């Protein structure tokens, strides 16, 4: 993962694995609570945003301020990923899953 260091990021695989395990547990509990894929997809938007945001923010080597464009790009990427999860739930619901 040397190519990530060139961009100023370093992923800790242990922290990433723990965060993915927690997200999977949240998904499992949400799946038990919601049988409908539309509701499940919309319910997983916030946990997936928190996961993506924490992962991207925690991987950054240099910290930036409010005007740092890298922080805003990470926020936009996390929002886009979370919206993608919601859209996936909608798509699965619309085809009858």
PDB file of N, CA and C in Angstrom:
ATOM      1  N   UNK A   1       0.802  -1.185   0.000  1.00  0.00           N
ATOM      2  CA  UNK A   1       0.000   0.000   0.000  1.00  0.00           C
ATOM      3  C   UNK A   1       0.853   1.261   0.000  1.00  0.00           C
ATOM      4  N   UNK A   2       1.959   1.176  -0.679  1.00  0.00           N
ATOM      5  CA  UNK A   2       2.834   2.343  -0.766  1.00  0.00           C
ATOM      6  C   UNK A   2       2.224   3.455  -1.603  1.00  0.00           C
ATOM      7  N   UNK A   3       1.332   3.103  -2.515  1.00  0.00           N
ATOM      8  CA  UNK A   3       0.733   4.123  -3.348  1.00  0.00           C
ATOM      9  C   UNK A   3      -0.177   5.022  -2.522  1.00  0.00           C
ATOM     10  N   UNK A   4      -0.729   4.520  -1.418  1.00  0.00           N
ATOM     11  CA  UNK A   4      -1.546   5.373  -0.555  1.00  0.00           C
ATOM     12  C   UNK A   4      -0.701   6.401   0.181  1.00  0.00           C
ATOM     13  N   UNK A   5       0.522   6.034   0.529  1.00  0.00           N
ATOM     14  CA  UNK A   5       1.396   6.966   1.244  1.00  0.00           C
ATOM     15  C   UNK A   5       1.778   8.145   0.368  1.00  0.00           C
ATOM     16  N   UNK A   6       1.837   7.934  -0.933  1.00  0.00           N
ATOM     17  CA  UNK A   6       2.129   9.045  -1.842  1.00  0.00           C
ATOM     18  C   UNK A   6       1.027  10.093  -1.793  1.00  0.00           C
ATOM     19  N   UNK A   7      -0.206   9.647  -1.544  1.00  0.00           N
ATOM     20  CA  UNK A   7      -1.330  10.571  -1.480  1.00  0.00           C
ATOM     21  C   UNK A   7      -1.578  11.083  -0.064  1.00  0.00           C
ATOM     22  N   UNK A   8      -0.789  10.633   0.898  1.00  0.00           N
ATOM     23  CA  UNK A   8      -0.913  11.123   2.258  1.00  0.00           C
ATOM     24  C   UNK A   8      -1.824  10.295   3.143  1.00  0.00           C
ATOM     25  N   UNK A   9      -1.989   9.006   2.829  1.00  0.00           N
ATOM     26  CA  UNK A   9      -2.849   8.130   3.617  1.00  0.00           C
ATOM     27  C   UNK A   9      -2.084   6.886   4.045  1.00  0.00           C
ATOM     28  N   UNK A  10      -2.439   6.377   5.212  1.00  0.00           N
ATOM     29  CA  UNK A  10      -1.862   5.130   5.694  1.00  0.00           C
ATOM     30  C   UNK A  10      -2.986   4.356   6.387  1.00  0.00           C
ATOM     31  N   UNK A  11      -3.344   3.207   5.843  1.00  0.00           N
ATOM     32  CA  UNK A  11      -4.424   2.398   6.412  1.00  0.00           C
ATOM     33  C   UNK A  11      -3.863   1.430   7.437  1.00  0.00           C
ATOM     34  N   UNK A  12      -4.453   1.427   8.607  1.00  0.00           N
ATOM     35  CA  UNK A  12      -4.131   0.449   9.631  1.00  0.00           C
ATOM     36  C   UNK A  12      -5.117  -0.702   9.448  1.00  0.00           C
ATOM     37  N   UNK A  13      -4.621  -1.844   9.015  1.00  0.00           N
ATOM     38  CA  UNK A  13      -5.516  -2.956   8.680  1.00  0.00           C
ATOM     39  C   UNK A  13      -6.271  -3.481   9.892  1.00  0.00           C
ATOM     40  N   UNK A  14      -5.686  -3.390  11.063  1.00  0.00           N
ATOM     41  CA  UNK A  14      -6.385  -3.851  12.267  1.00  0.00           C
ATOM     42  C   UNK A  14      -7.591  -2.956  12.561  1.00  0.00           C
ATOM     43  N   UNK A  15      -7.400  -1.641  12.501  1.00  0.00           N
ATOM     44  CA  UNK A  15      -8.512  -0.715  12.729  1.00  0.00           C
ATOM     45  C   UNK A  15      -9.559  -0.825  11.631  1.00  0.00           C
ATOM     46  N   UNK A  16      -9.102  -1.000  10.403  1.00  0.00           N
ATOM     47  CA  UNK A  16     -10.029  -1.160   9.291  1.00  0.00           C
ATOM     48  C   UNK A  16     -10.845  -2.430   9.438  1.00  0.00           C
ATOM     49  N   UNK A  17     -10.206  -3.512   9.848  1.00  0.00           N
ATOM     50  CA  UNK A  17     -10.914  -4.767  10.062  1.00  0.00           C
ATOM     51  C   UNK A  17     -11.928  -4.676  11.190  1.00  0.00           C
ATOM     52  N   UNK A  18     -11.561  -4.011  12.270  1.00  0.00           N
ATOM     53  CA  UNK A  18     -12.501  -3.843  13.385  1.00  0.00           C
ATOM     54  C   UNK A  18     -13.690  -2.980  12.969  1.00  0.00           C
ATOM     55  N   UNK A  19     -13.432  -1.926  12.224  1.00  0.00           N
ATOM     56  CA  UNK A  19     -14.523  -1.069  11.762  1.00  0.00           C
ATOM     57  C   UNK A  19     -15.441  -1.828  10.806  1.00  0.00           C
ATOM     58  N   UNK A  20     -14.870  -2.652   9.927  1.00  0.00           N
ATOM     59  CA  UNK A  20     -15.681  -3.449   9.007  1.00  0.00           C
ATOM     60  C   UNK A  20     -16.494  -4.498   9.763  1.00  0.00           C
ATOM     61  N   UNK A  21     -15.914  -5.061  10.817  1.00  0.00           N
ATOM     62  CA  UNK A  21     -16.638  -6.027  11.640  1.00  0.00           C
ATOM     63  C   UNK A  21     -17.821  -5.364  12.343  1.00  0.00           C
ATOM     64  N   UNK A  22     -17.611  -4.174  12.861  1.00  0.00           N
ATOM     65  CA  UNK A  22     -18.709  -3.450  13.511  1.00  0.00           C
ATOM     66  C   UNK A  22     -19.786  -3.085  12.499  1.00  0.00           C
ATOM     67  N   UNK A  23     -19.385  -2.644  11.309  1.00  0.00           N
ATOM     68  CA  UNK A  23     -20.374  -2.330  10.269  1.00  0.00           C
ATOM     69  C   UNK A  23     -21.143  -3.578   9.871  1.00  0.00           C
ATOM     70  N   UNK A  24     -20.471  -4.709   9.766  1.00  0.00           N
ATOM     71  CA  UNK A  24     -21.153  -5.960   9.456  1.00  0.00           C
ATOM     72  C   UNK A  24     -22.125  -6.363  10.542  1.00  0.00           C
ATOM     73  N   UNK A  25     -21.761  -6.137  11.797  1.00  0.00           N
ATOM     74  CA  UNK A  25     -22.658  -6.436  12.911  1.00  0.00           C
ATOM     75  C   UNK A  25     -23.885  -5.528  12.885  1.00  0.00           C
ATOM     76  N   UNK A  26     -23.673  -4.248  12.587  1.00  0.00           N
ATOM     77  CA  UNK A  26     -24.800  -3.322  12.462  1.00  0.00           C
ATOM     78  C   UNK A  26     -25.709  -3.755  11.318  1.00  0.00           C
ATOM     79  N   UNK A  27     -25.122  -4.179  10.202  1.00  0.00           N
ATOM     80  CA  UNK A  27     -25.925  -4.661   9.080  1.00  0.00           C
ATOM     81  C   UNK A  27     -26.720  -5.904   9.472  1.00  0.00           C
ATOM     82  N   UNK A  28     -26.102  -6.829  10.190  1.00  0.00           N
ATOM     83  CA  UNK A  28     -26.780  -8.050  10.612  1.00  0.00           C
ATOM     84  C   UNK A  28     -27.965  -7.738  11.526  1.00  0.00           C
ATOM     85  N   UNK A  29     -27.756  -6.839  12.474  1.00  0.00           N
ATOM     86  CA  UNK A  29     -28.838  -6.459  13.387  1.00  0.00           C
ATOM     87  C   UNK A  29     -29.938  -5.732  12.630  1.00  0.00           C
ATOM     88  N   UNK A  30     -29.558  -4.854  11.707  1.00  0.00           N
ATOM     89  CA  UNK A  30     -30.560  -4.144  10.912  1.00  0.00           C
ATOM     90  C   UNK A  30     -31.318  -5.107  10.009  1.00  0.00           C
ATOM     91  N   UNK A  31     -30.643  -6.117   9.504  1.00  0.00           N
ATOM     92  CA  UNK A  31     -31.319  -7.110   8.655  1.00  0.00           C
ATOM     93  C   UNK A  31     -32.330  -7.920   9.462  1.00  0.00           C
ATOM     94  N   UNK A  32     -32.007  -8.204  10.719  1.00  0.00           N
ATOM     95  CA  UNK A  32     -32.963  -8.897  11.580  1.00  0.00           C
ATOM     96  C   UNK A  32     -34.162  -8.007  11.904  1.00  0.00           C
ATOM     97  N   UNK A  33     -33.915  -6.710  12.032  1.00  0.00           N
ATOM     98  CA  UNK A  33     -34.991  -5.781  12.379  1.00  0.00           C
ATOM     99  C   UNK A  33     -35.856  -5.433  11.173  1.00  0.00           C
ATOM    100  N   UNK A  34     -35.257  -5.292  10.006  1.00  0.00           N
ATOM    101  CA  UNK A  34     -35.986  -4.886   8.803  1.00  0.00           C
ATOM    102  C   UNK A  34     -35.908  -5.996   7.773  1.00  0.00           C
ATOM    103  N   UNK A  35     -37.040  -6.509   7.383  1.00  0.00           N
ATOM    104  CA  UNK A  35     -37.063  -7.560   6.358  1.00  0.00           C
ATOM    105  C   UNK A  35     -37.123  -6.980   4.950  1.00  0.00           C
ATOM    106  N   UNK A  36     -37.490  -5.722   4.841  1.00  0.00           N
ATOM    107  CA  UNK A  36     -37.616  -5.058   3.549  1.00  0.00           C
ATOM    108  C   UNK A  36     -36.272  -4.467   3.138  1.00  0.00           C
ATOM    109  N   UNK A  37     -35.848  -4.723   1.918  1.00  0.00           N
ATOM    110  CA  UNK A  37     -34.538  -4.236   1.477  1.00  0.00           C
ATOM    111  C   UNK A  37     -34.514  -2.720   1.313  1.00  0.00           C
ATOM    112  N   UNK A  38     -35.663  -2.098   1.021  1.00  0.00           N
ATOM    113  CA  UNK A  38     -35.704  -0.644   0.899  1.00  0.00           C
ATOM    114  C   UNK A  38     -35.420   0.006   2.251  1.00  0.00           C
ATOM    115  N   UNK A  39     -36.096  -0.453   3.283  1.00  0.00           N
ATOM    116  CA  UNK A  39     -35.882   0.089   4.617  1.00  0.00           C
ATOM    117  C   UNK A  39     -34.473  -0.221   5.104  1.00  0.00           C
ATOM    118  N   UNK A  40     -33.994  -1.419   4.812  1.00  0.00           N
ATOM    119  CA  UNK A  40     -32.638  -1.791   5.215  1.00  0.00           C
ATOM    120  C   UNK A  40     -31.604  -0.906   4.537  1.00  0.00           C
ATOM    121  N   UNK A  41     -31.772  -0.660   3.256  1.00  0.00           N
ATOM    122  CA  UNK A  41     -30.835   0.206   2.535  1.00  0.00           C
ATOM    123  C   UNK A  41     -30.829   1.615   3.081  1.00  0.00           C
ATOM    124  N   UNK A  42     -32.009   2.147   3.357  1.00  0.00           N
ATOM    125  CA  UNK A  42     -32.079   3.490   3.906  1.00  0.00           C
ATOM    126  C   UNK A  42     -31.573   3.540   5.339  1.00  0.00           C
ATOM    127  N   UNK A  43     -31.774   2.473   6.101  1.00  0.00           N
ATOM    128  CA  UNK A  43     -31.291   2.434   7.485  1.00  0.00           C
ATOM    129  C   UNK A  43     -29.777   2.313   7.539  1.00  0.00           C
ATOM    130  N   UNK A  44     -29.159   1.757   6.521  1.00  0.00           N
ATOM    131  CA  UNK A  44     -27.706   1.574   6.516  1.00  0.00           C
ATOM    132  C   UNK A  44     -26.955   2.783   5.957  1.00  0.00           C
ATOM    133  N   UNK A  45     -27.669   3.828   5.558  1.00  0.00           N
ATOM    134  CA  UNK A  45     -27.002   5.011   5.018  1.00  0.00           C
ATOM    135  C   UNK A  45     -26.133   5.672   6.083  1.00  0.00           C
ATOM    136  N   UNK A  46     -26.682   5.892   7.263  1.00  0.00           N
ATOM    137  CA  UNK A  46     -25.927   6.575   8.313  1.00  0.00           C
ATOM    138  C   UNK A  46     -24.752   5.728   8.813  1.00  0.00           C
ATOM    139  N   UNK A  47     -24.933   4.426   9.120  1.00  0.00           N
ATOM    140  CA  UNK A  47     -23.756   3.655   9.547  1.00  0.00           C
ATOM    141  C   UNK A  47     -22.665   3.557   8.480  1.00  0.00           C
ATOM    142  N   UNK A  48     -23.062   3.468   7.217  1.00  0.00           N
ATOM    143  CA  UNK A  48     -22.036   3.394   6.172  1.00  0.00           C
ATOM    144  C   UNK A  48     -21.321   4.735   6.015  1.00  0.00           C
ATOM    145  N   UNK A  49     -22.037   5.852   6.211  1.00  0.00           N
ATOM    146  CA  UNK A  49     -21.378   7.159   6.182  1.00  0.00           C
ATOM    147  C   UNK A  49     -20.374   7.276   7.326  1.00  0.00           C
ATOM    148  N   UNK A  50     -20.782   6.851   8.520  1.00  0.00           N
ATOM    149  CA  UNK A  50     -19.875   6.921   9.671  1.00  0.00           C
ATOM    150  C   UNK A  50     -18.647   6.046   9.425  1.00  0.00           C
ATOM    151  N   UNK A  51     -18.852   4.854   8.875  1.00  0.00           N
ATOM    152  CA  UNK A  51     -17.735   3.955   8.579  1.00  0.00           C
ATOM    153  C   UNK A  51     -16.775   4.582   7.578  1.00  0.00           C
ATOM    154  N   UNK A  52     -17.301   5.075   6.473  1.00  0.00           N
ATOM    155  CA  UNK A  52     -16.446   5.667   5.441  1.00  0.00           C
ATOM    156  C   UNK A  52     -15.738   6.925   5.943  1.00  0.00           C
ATOM    157  N   UNK A  53     -16.462   7.752   6.657  1.00  0.00           N
ATOM    158  CA  UNK A  53     -15.876   8.983   7.154  1.00  0.00           C
ATOM    159  C   UNK A  53     -14.771   8.698   8.165  1.00  0.00           C
ATOM    160  N   UNK A  54     -15.023   7.782   9.089  1.00  0.00           N
ATOM    161  CA  UNK A  54     -14.009   7.455  10.096  1.00  0.00           C
ATOM    162  C   UNK A  54     -12.801   6.770   9.467  1.00  0.00           C
ATOM    163  N   UNK A  55     -13.034   5.922   8.485  1.00  0.00           N
ATOM    164  CA  UNK A  55     -11.928   5.232   7.831  1.00  0.00           C
ATOM    165  C   UNK A  55     -11.052   6.209   7.052  1.00  0.00           C
ATOM    166  N   UNK A  56     -11.664   7.091   6.297  1.00  0.00           N
ATOM    167  CA  UNK A  56     -10.893   8.056   5.518  1.00  0.00           C
ATOM    168  C   UNK A  56     -10.185   9.064   6.414  1.00  0.00           C
ATOM    169  N   UNK A  57     -10.884   9.532   7.428  1.00  0.00           N
ATOM    170  CA  UNK A  57     -10.281  10.518   8.324  1.00  0.00           C
ATOM    171  C   UNK A  57      -9.151   9.905   9.144  1.00  0.00           C
ATOM    172  N   UNK A  58      -9.326   8.666   9.568  1.00  0.00           N
ATOM    173  CA  UNK A  58      -8.297   8.006  10.368  1.00  0.00           C
ATOM    174  C   UNK A  58      -7.072   7.609   9.571  1.00  0.00           C
ATOM    175  N   UNK A  59      -7.212   7.479   8.269  1.00  0.00           N
ATOM    176  CA  UNK A  59      -6.094   7.058   7.436  1.00  0.00           C
ATOM    177  C   UNK A  59      -5.212   8.218   6.998  1.00  0.00           C
ATOM    178  N   UNK A  60      -5.700   9.435   7.155  1.00  0.00           N
ATOM    179  CA  UNK A  60      -4.926  10.589   6.696  1.00  0.00           C
ATOM    180  C   UNK A  60      -3.715  10.794   7.596  1.00  0.00           C
ATOM    181  N   UNK A  61      -2.559  10.993   6.999  1.00  0.00           N
ATOM    182  CA  UNK A  61      -1.317  11.172   7.752  1.00  0.00           C
ATOM    183  C   UNK A  61      -1.216  12.590   8.301  1.00  0.00           C
ATOM    184  N   UNK A  62      -1.443  13.570   7.464  1.00  0.00           N
ATOM    185  CA  UNK A  62      -1.349  14.964   7.894  1.00  0.00           C
ATOM    186  C   UNK A  62      -2.743  15.506   8.151  1.00  0.00           C
ATOM    187  N   UNK A  63      -2.888  16.170   9.264  1.00  0.00           N
ATOM    188  CA  UNK A  63      -4.167  16.779   9.612  1.00  0.00           C
ATOM    189  C   UNK A  63      -4.283  18.142   8.947  1.00  0.00           C
ATOM    190  N   UNK A  64      -5.496  18.504   8.610  1.00  0.00           N
ATOM    191  CA  UNK A  64      -5.719  19.782   7.958  1.00  0.00           C
ATOM    192  C   UNK A  64      -6.733  20.602   8.714  1.00  0.00           C
ATOM    193  N   UNK A  65      -6.938  21.798   8.268  1.00  0.00           N
ATOM    194  CA  UNK A  65      -7.877  22.706   8.890  1.00  0.00           C
ATOM    195  C   UNK A  65      -9.208  22.712   8.158  1.00  0.00           C
ATOM    196  N   UNK A  66     -10.016  23.722   8.483  1.00  0.00           N
ATOM    197  CA  UNK A  66     -11.349  23.855   7.894  1.00  0.00           C
ATOM    198  C   UNK A  66     -11.277  24.105   6.397  1.00  0.00           C
ATOM    199  N   UNK A  67     -10.277  24.823   5.961  1.00  0.00           N
ATOM    200  CA  UNK A  67     -10.164  25.173   4.538  1.00  0.00           C
ATOM    201  C   UNK A  67      -9.390  24.145   3.714  1.00  0.00           C
ATOM    202  N   UNK A  68      -9.038  23.037   4.330  1.00  0.00           N
ATOM    203  CA  UNK A  68      -8.290  21.996   3.626  1.00  0.00           C
ATOM    204  C   UNK A  68      -9.223  21.281   2.650  1.00  0.00           C
ATOM    205  N   UNK A  69      -8.872  21.269   1.389  1.00  0.00           N
ATOM    206  CA  UNK A  69      -9.741  20.662   0.379  1.00  0.00           C
ATOM    207  C   UNK A  69      -9.764  19.140   0.486  1.00  0.00           C
ATOM    208  N   UNK A  70      -8.726  18.546   1.037  1.00  0.00           N
ATOM    209  CA  UNK A  70      -8.691  17.088   1.168  1.00  0.00           C
ATOM    210  C   UNK A  70      -9.771  16.601   2.128  1.00  0.00           C
ATOM    211  N   UNK A  71      -9.984  17.323   3.225  1.00  0.00           N
ATOM    212  CA  UNK A  71     -11.031  16.963   4.172  1.00  0.00           C
ATOM    213  C   UNK A  71     -12.420  17.047   3.564  1.00  0.00           C
ATOM    214  N   UNK A  72     -12.644  18.074   2.766  1.00  0.00           N
ATOM    215  CA  UNK A  72     -13.936  18.209   2.101  1.00  0.00           C
ATOM    216  C   UNK A  72     -14.129  17.130   1.032  1.00  0.00           C
ATOM    217  N   UNK A  73     -13.059  16.770   0.350  1.00  0.00           N
ATOM    218  CA  UNK A  73     -13.155  15.685  -0.636  1.00  0.00           C
ATOM    219  C   UNK A  73     -13.470  14.355   0.045  1.00  0.00           C
ATOM    220  N   UNK A  74     -12.892  14.130   1.221  1.00  0.00           N
ATOM    221  CA  UNK A  74     -13.204  12.912   1.971  1.00  0.00           C
ATOM    222  C   UNK A  74     -14.668  12.891   2.400  1.00  0.00           C
ATOM    223  N   UNK A  75     -15.168  14.047   2.823  1.00  0.00           N
ATOM    224  CA  UNK A  75     -16.571  14.137   3.216  1.00  0.00           C
ATOM    225  C   UNK A  75     -17.490  13.863   2.034  1.00  0.00           C
ATOM    226  N   UNK A  76     -17.159  14.418   0.881  1.00  0.00           N
ATOM    227  CA  UNK A  76     -17.970  14.186  -0.320  1.00  0.00           C
ATOM    228  C   UNK A  76     -17.918  12.722  -0.729  1.00  0.00           C
ATOM    229  N   UNK A  77     -16.744  12.089  -0.620  1.00  0.00           N
ATOM    230  CA  UNK A  77     -16.627  10.666  -0.956  1.00  0.00           C
ATOM    231  C   UNK A  77     -17.435   9.812   0.009  1.00  0.00           C
ATOM    232  N   UNK A  78     -17.431  10.152   1.301  1.00  0.00           N
ATOM    233  CA  UNK A  78     -18.205   9.399   2.284  1.00  0.00           C
ATOM    234  C   UNK A  78     -19.704   9.565   2.044  1.00  0.00           C
ATOM    235  N   UNK A  79     -20.127  10.768   1.717  1.00  0.00           N
ATOM    236  CA  UNK A  79     -21.541  11.005   1.414  1.00  0.00           C
ATOM    237  C   UNK A  79     -21.951  10.247   0.159  1.00  0.00           C
ATOM    238  N   UNK A  80     -21.105  10.265  -0.854  1.00  0.00           N
ATOM    239  CA  UNK A  80     -21.415   9.545  -2.100  1.00  0.00           C
ATOM    240  C   UNK A  80     -21.517   8.046  -1.851  1.00  0.00           C
ATOM    241  N   UNK A  81     -20.635   7.498  -1.034  1.00  0.00           N
ATOM    242  CA  UNK A  81     -20.711   6.076  -0.698  1.00  0.00           C
ATOM    243  C   UNK A  81     -21.974   5.739   0.071  1.00  0.00           C
ATOM    244  N   UNK A  82     -22.357   6.606   1.010  1.00  0.00           N
ATOM    245  CA  UNK A  82     -23.574   6.375   1.786  1.00  0.00           C
ATOM    246  C   UNK A  82     -24.819   6.471   0.906  1.00  0.00           C
ATOM    247  N   UNK A  83     -24.828   7.422  -0.002  1.00  0.00           N
ATOM    248  CA  UNK A  83     -25.952   7.535  -0.934  1.00  0.00           C
ATOM    249  C   UNK A  83     -26.011   6.307  -1.838  1.00  0.00           C
ATOM    250  N   UNK A  84     -24.856   5.788  -2.209  1.00  0.00           N
ATOM    251  CA  UNK A  84     -24.812   4.560  -3.009  1.00  0.00           C
ATOM    252  C   UNK A  84     -25.418   3.374  -2.276  1.00  0.00           C
ATOM    253  N   UNK A  85     -25.194   3.292  -0.967  1.00  0.00           N
ATOM    254  CA  UNK A  85     -25.795   2.220  -0.174  1.00  0.00           C
ATOM    255  C   UNK A  85     -27.316   2.361  -0.164  1.00  0.00           C
ATOM    256  N   UNK A  86     -27.808   3.581   0.016  1.00  0.00           N
ATOM    257  CA  UNK A  86     -29.257   3.806  -0.027  1.00  0.00           C
ATOM    258  C   UNK A  86     -29.842   3.482  -1.386  1.00  0.00           C
ATOM    259  N   UNK A  87     -29.135   3.855  -2.445  1.00  0.00           N
ATOM    260  CA  UNK A  87     -29.613   3.552  -3.798  1.00  0.00           C
ATOM    261  C   UNK A  87     -29.595   2.053  -4.075  1.00  0.00           C
ATOM    262  N   UNK A  88     -28.609   1.361  -3.533  1.00  0.00           N
ATOM    263  CA  UNK A  88     -28.575  -0.097  -3.675  1.00  0.00           C
ATOM    264  C   UNK A  88     -29.789  -0.731  -3.018  1.00  0.00           C
ATOM    265  N   UNK A  89     -30.148  -0.253  -1.822  1.00  0.00           N
ATOM    266  CA  UNK A  89     -31.364  -0.748  -1.168  1.00  0.00           C
ATOM    267  C   UNK A  89     -32.600  -0.485  -2.005  1.00  0.00           C
ATOM    268  N   UNK A  90     -32.698   0.713  -2.603  1.00  0.00           N
ATOM    269  CA  UNK A  90     -33.823   1.030  -3.465  1.00  0.00           C
ATOM    270  C   UNK A  90     -33.836   0.137  -4.702  1.00  0.00           C
ATOM    271  N   UNK A  91     -32.676  -0.070  -5.302  1.00  0.00           N
ATOM    272  CA  UNK A  91     -32.605  -0.899  -6.511  1.00  0.00           C
ATOM    273  C   UNK A  91     -33.006  -2.340  -6.223  1.00  0.00           C
ATOM    274  N   UNK A  92     -32.537  -2.874  -5.118  1.00  0.00           N
ATOM    275  CA  UNK A  92     -32.914  -4.249  -4.750  1.00  0.00           C
ATOM    276  C   UNK A  92     -34.411  -4.334  -4.459  1.00  0.00           C
ATOM    277  N   UNK A  93     -34.950  -3.314  -3.822  1.00  0.00           N
ATOM    278  CA  UNK A  93     -36.390  -3.294  -3.542  1.00  0.00           C
ATOM    279  C   UNK A  93     -37.200  -3.210  -4.822  1.00  0.00           C
ATOM    280  N   UNK A  94     -36.726  -2.415  -5.783  1.00  0.00           N
ATOM    281  CA  UNK A  94     -37.498  -2.218  -7.016  1.00  0.00           C
ATOM    282  C   UNK A  94     -37.496  -3.463  -7.902  1.00  0.00           C
ATOM    283  N   UNK A  95     -36.498  -4.347  -7.772  1.00  0.00           N
ATOM    284  CA  UNK A  95     -36.530  -5.574  -8.557  1.00  0.00           C
ATOM    285  C   UNK A  95     -37.149  -6.741  -7.794  1.00  0.00           C
ATOM    286  N   UNK A  96     -37.574  -6.451  -6.548  1.00  0.00           N
ATOM    287  CA  UNK A  96     -38.338  -7.440  -5.811  1.00  0.00           C
ATOM    288  C   UNK A  96     -37.544  -8.300  -4.849  1.00  0.00           C
ATOM    289  N   UNK A  97     -36.360  -7.890  -4.495  1.00  0.00           N
ATOM    290  CA  UNK A  97     -35.577  -8.692  -3.556  1.00  0.00           C
ATOM    291  C   UNK A  97     -36.021  -8.432  -2.148  1.00  0.00           C
TER     292      UNK A  97
END
